[in-house]
Amino acid sequence: LSVNSPLEEIMQIYVSGVDGKSITLNVSSSQKVGEVLDMVEDKTGLMKEQAVLSYAGKNLDRPEQTLKDLNIESSATLTLSMRLLGGHCQVPCGIFDDPKTVSELKEACATIRKAMVQINELSKSVTPLNFNQMTRWVMTKEEHCKNIITTISEYCLCQRVKPAGAPKSPFKTDKDFVDALKAHHAVMVCAMKAKQSVDIAVAGNLEHAVGDWQKMYLPVEEGTEAKANL
């Protein structure tokens, strides 16, 4: 994203990421929190729906506020964190009973993370043998990312997720249906970004998205709903 006006002074701010690394953003004081989140998503792969920015110990939870409104000046450091799993489901919980699919996607996530770790390690010394092994790990990562996207799109969305009111639909309201679509879409986007990256934080984003998605495909633990509604 570009700053809002060519006449505005551009300043640099820093964002300390979930992996401990910092990124630099060129912004203007009139840019909004929502726009900064878009920039963070572009640089880190962490979807803005999952991202939480904070400054001086306070969460920046109003996307329409500007940096000037929040007294964020040049060289300021924002902290980036991920929304925690747990509590009441944002998606309808336990509507599908499919632990096998959940297990397959979690195994794929673990393989993707392992591939990224191996690629980063092997790249420290680029010998012909290491180059060959890196290539094999890249192909493995690509295959598992593709499998996740295919499972979500061709199986989950085509066969399991049906609009509210449709025959055999598990959704009671349109909102539940839309929330489910968002959760599935988040997994596909994170898998696509994992294909393009060897950053371990991107693997973490994928695991987080699968963690949200799986709530629909595993039985609700006894008492979970009651506790969530207290």
Foldseek 3Di string as FASTA:
>chain_A
DDEPDPPFDWAWEWEQEPVRDIDIDTYGQFAFQLVVLVVVCVVQVQHSVFKWKDFPPGTRPDRNDGNVNVVNDHHGYIYIDTDDDDFDAQADFALAACVPVLVLLVVLLVLLLVLLVLLVVLVVDDDVVSVVVNVVSLVSLLVSLVVLLCCLPVPCVVPPQDAQPDPPHSDPDRSNSVSLVVLSVQLNSLSVVSNVDSDSVSSVSNVVSSVSNCRHHHHDPPPRVVVSVD
